[in-house]
Amino acid sequence: MSVTIYHNPRCSKSRATLAIIEEKGIKPKIVEYLVNPPSAAELKRVLKMLGLRPVEILRGKEAQEAGIDPAQFDDDRLIQKMVEMPIVIERPIVVSGAKARLGRPPERILEIL
């Protein structure tokens, strides 16, 4: 089973989620998305697996600080803003096969492991 975590090592929820994955004996592909942001196509694919719209994985405080008002953007433009400023993407996101979960709370990822 291939598992990928979109990870921010400075985030306690992201670190806890990674620990859960590793405790299961899984060595995930770790994508530090602040260093290597996902492309728009990749983000769309992950959103589809999550069953969420872009606004649902938008970090409110960070978006506000970046001047992003989600009410002013359609989904495609919001995704583009997320690619340009990945700090506004909620984390962690775990992808396992064709399924994905937002690790908030971290234990939620157990549904797909």
C-alpha atoms as a PDB file:
ATOM      1  CA  MET A   1       0.000   0.000   0.000  1.00  0.00           C
ATOM      2  CA  SER A   2       1.341   3.397  -1.034  1.00  0.00           C
ATOM      3  CA  VAL A   3       0.790   6.171   1.512  1.00  0.00           C
ATOM      4  CA  THR A   4       1.636   9.851   1.041  1.00  0.00           C
ATOM      5  CA  ILE A   5       1.461  12.545   3.698  1.00  0.00           C
ATOM      6  CA  TYR A   6       1.379  16.227   2.852  1.00  0.00           C
ATOM      7  CA  HIS A   7       3.335  17.279   5.889  1.00  0.00           C
ATOM      8  CA  ASN A   8       4.502  20.351   7.749  1.00  0.00           C
ATOM      9  CA  PRO A   9       7.107  19.238  10.303  1.00  0.00           C
ATOM     10  CA  ARG A  10       6.448  22.365  12.394  1.00  0.00           C
ATOM     11  CA  CYS A  11       2.789  21.393  12.918  1.00  0.00           C
ATOM     12  CA  SER A  12       1.964  19.216  15.939  1.00  0.00           C
ATOM     13  CA  LYS A  13      -1.067  17.631  14.201  1.00  0.00           C
ATOM     14  CA  SER A  14       1.075  16.785  11.200  1.00  0.00           C
ATOM     15  CA  ARG A  15       3.783  15.232  13.395  1.00  0.00           C
ATOM     16  CA  ALA A  16       1.160  13.232  15.318  1.00  0.00           C
ATOM     17  CA  THR A  17      -0.365  11.999  12.064  1.00  0.00           C
ATOM     18  CA  LEU A  18       3.024  10.922  10.743  1.00  0.00           C
ATOM     19  CA  ALA A  19       3.665   9.070  14.012  1.00  0.00           C
ATOM     20  CA  ILE A  20       0.382   7.142  13.635  1.00  0.00           C
ATOM     21  CA  ILE A  21       1.351   6.085  10.119  1.00  0.00           C
ATOM     22  CA  GLU A  22       4.812   4.962  11.225  1.00  0.00           C
ATOM     23  CA  GLU A  23       3.375   3.105  14.249  1.00  0.00           C
ATOM     24  CA  LYS A  24       1.381   1.038  11.743  1.00  0.00           C
ATOM     25  CA  GLY A  25       4.692  -0.019  10.168  1.00  0.00           C
ATOM     26  CA  ILE A  26       4.115   2.088   7.069  1.00  0.00           C
ATOM     27  CA  LYS A  27       6.909   4.131   5.547  1.00  0.00           C
ATOM     28  CA  PRO A  28       5.033   6.948   3.792  1.00  0.00           C
ATOM     29  CA  LYS A  29       6.167   9.247   1.061  1.00  0.00           C
ATOM     30  CA  ILE A  30       6.557  12.550   2.896  1.00  0.00           C
ATOM     31  CA  VAL A  31       5.773  15.678   0.896  1.00  0.00           C
ATOM     32  CA  GLU A  32       6.763  18.834   2.720  1.00  0.00           C
ATOM     33  CA  TYR A  33       4.173  20.839   0.854  1.00  0.00           C
ATOM     34  CA  LEU A  34       5.547  24.213   1.963  1.00  0.00           C
ATOM     35  CA  VAL A  35       8.827  23.355   0.223  1.00  0.00           C
ATOM     36  CA  ASN A  36       7.299  21.406  -2.689  1.00  0.00           C
ATOM     37  CA  PRO A  37       3.733  22.653  -3.189  1.00  0.00           C
ATOM     38  CA  PRO A  38       1.316  20.443  -5.082  1.00  0.00           C
ATOM     39  CA  SER A  39       0.374  21.429  -8.620  1.00  0.00           C
ATOM     40  CA  ALA A  40      -3.177  22.544  -9.335  1.00  0.00           C
ATOM     41  CA  ALA A  41      -3.875  19.161 -10.957  1.00  0.00           C
ATOM     42  CA  GLU A  42      -2.503  17.284  -7.948  1.00  0.00           C
ATOM     43  CA  LEU A  43      -4.513  19.410  -5.538  1.00  0.00           C
ATOM     44  CA  LYS A  44      -7.690  18.820  -7.575  1.00  0.00           C
ATOM     45  CA  ARG A  45      -7.026  15.063  -7.492  1.00  0.00           C
ATOM     46  CA  VAL A  46      -6.538  15.096  -3.715  1.00  0.00           C
ATOM     47  CA  LEU A  47      -9.654  17.231  -3.195  1.00  0.00           C
ATOM     48  CA  LYS A  48     -11.670  14.726  -5.225  1.00  0.00           C
ATOM     49  CA  MET A  49     -10.376  11.869  -3.043  1.00  0.00           C
ATOM     50  CA  LEU A  50     -11.205  13.878   0.079  1.00  0.00           C
ATOM     51  CA  GLY A  51     -14.667  14.679  -1.241  1.00  0.00           C
ATOM     52  CA  LEU A  52     -14.104  18.323  -0.305  1.00  0.00           C
ATOM     53  CA  ARG A  53     -14.132  21.696  -1.997  1.00  0.00           C
ATOM     54  CA  PRO A  54     -11.058  23.955  -1.834  1.00  0.00           C
ATOM     55  CA  VAL A  55     -12.632  26.258   0.739  1.00  0.00           C
ATOM     56  CA  GLU A  56     -12.964  23.280   3.093  1.00  0.00           C
ATOM     57  CA  ILE A  57      -9.182  22.814   3.295  1.00  0.00           C
ATOM     58  CA  LEU A  58      -8.383  26.519   3.480  1.00  0.00           C
ATOM     59  CA  ARG A  59      -6.723  27.657   6.693  1.00  0.00           C
ATOM     60  CA  GLY A  60      -8.779  30.684   7.685  1.00  0.00           C
ATOM     61  CA  LYS A  61      -6.217  32.728   9.582  1.00  0.00           C
ATOM     62  CA  GLU A  62      -3.455  32.153   7.050  1.00  0.00           C
ATOM     63  CA  ALA A  63      -5.818  32.898   4.154  1.00  0.00           C
ATOM     64  CA  GLN A  64      -6.876  36.146   5.770  1.00  0.00           C
ATOM     65  CA  GLU A  65      -3.239  37.123   6.368  1.00  0.00           C
ATOM     66  CA  ALA A  66      -2.490  36.336   2.699  1.00  0.00           C
ATOM     67  CA  GLY A  67      -5.406  38.504   1.583  1.00  0.00           C
ATOM     68  CA  ILE A  68      -7.459  35.591   0.288  1.00  0.00           C
ATOM     69  CA  ASP A  69     -11.215  36.027   0.684  1.00  0.00           C
ATOM     70  CA  PRO A  70     -12.702  32.697  -0.452  1.00  0.00           C
ATOM     71  CA  ALA A  71     -16.010  34.393  -1.261  1.00  0.00           C
ATOM     72  CA  GLN A  72     -14.244  36.267  -4.059  1.00  0.00           C
ATOM     73  CA  PHE A  73     -12.865  33.198  -5.846  1.00  0.00           C
ATOM     74  CA  ASP A  74     -14.325  30.235  -7.687  1.00  0.00           C
ATOM     75  CA  ASP A  75     -12.849  26.797  -6.927  1.00  0.00           C
ATOM     76  CA  ASP A  76     -10.254  26.904  -9.724  1.00  0.00           C
ATOM     77  CA  ARG A  77      -8.950  30.327  -8.706  1.00  0.00           C
ATOM     78  CA  LEU A  78      -8.874  29.302  -5.051  1.00  0.00           C
ATOM     79  CA  ILE A  79      -6.853  26.211  -5.965  1.00  0.00           C
ATOM     80  CA  GLN A  80      -4.420  28.430  -7.878  1.00  0.00           C
ATOM     81  CA  LYS A  81      -4.033  30.655  -4.799  1.00  0.00           C
ATOM     82  CA  MET A  82      -3.339  27.547  -2.705  1.00  0.00           C
ATOM     83  CA  VAL A  83      -0.634  26.461  -5.127  1.00  0.00           C
ATOM     84  CA  GLU A  84       0.923  29.933  -5.039  1.00  0.00           C
ATOM     85  CA  MET A  85       0.702  30.178  -1.223  1.00  0.00           C
ATOM     86  CA  PRO A  86       0.695  26.620   0.183  1.00  0.00           C
ATOM     87  CA  ILE A  87       0.701  27.901   3.784  1.00  0.00           C
ATOM     88  CA  VAL A  88      -3.072  28.360   3.368  1.00  0.00           C
ATOM     89  CA  ILE A  89      -3.642  24.615   2.792  1.00  0.00           C
ATOM     90  CA  GLU A  90      -4.904  22.725   5.845  1.00  0.00           C
ATOM     91  CA  ARG A  91      -2.624  19.942   6.999  1.00  0.00           C
ATOM     92  CA  PRO A  92      -1.877  17.151   7.193  1.00  0.00           C
ATOM     93  CA  ILE A  93      -3.466  15.375   4.274  1.00  0.00           C
ATOM     94  CA  VAL A  94      -2.865  11.641   3.918  1.00  0.00           C
ATOM     95  CA  VAL A  95      -3.425   9.746   0.678  1.00  0.00           C
ATOM     96  CA  SER A  96      -3.627   5.962   0.743  1.00  0.00           C
ATOM     97  CA  GLY A  97      -4.363   4.334  -2.591  1.00  0.00           C
ATOM     98  CA  ALA A  98      -7.490   6.015  -3.973  1.00  0.00           C
ATOM     99  CA  LYS A  99      -8.566   7.445  -0.614  1.00  0.00           C
ATOM    100  CA  ALA A 100      -7.519  10.534   1.297  1.00  0.00           C
ATOM    101  CA  ARG A 101      -8.237  12.015   4.711  1.00  0.00           C
ATOM    102  CA  LEU A 102      -7.437  15.242   6.466  1.00  0.00           C
ATOM    103  CA  GLY A 103      -5.578  14.405   9.678  1.00  0.00           C
ATOM    104  CA  ARG A 104      -7.731  16.571  11.933  1.00  0.00           C
ATOM    105  CA  PRO A 105      -7.856  14.917  14.336  1.00  0.00           C
ATOM    106  CA  PRO A 106      -4.860  12.746  13.469  1.00  0.00           C
ATOM    107  CA  GLU A 107      -6.726   9.520  14.268  1.00  0.00           C
ATOM    108  CA  ARG A 108      -9.068  10.171  11.349  1.00  0.00           C
ATOM    109  CA  ILE A 109      -6.470   8.788   8.970  1.00  0.00           C
ATOM    110  CA  LEU A 110      -6.918   5.319  10.468  1.00  0.00           C
ATOM    111  CA  GLU A 111     -10.050   5.057   8.301  1.00  0.00           C
ATOM    112  CA  ILE A 112      -7.867   4.684   5.198  1.00  0.00           C
ATOM    113  CA  LEU A 113      -4.785   2.840   6.465  1.00  0.00           C
END
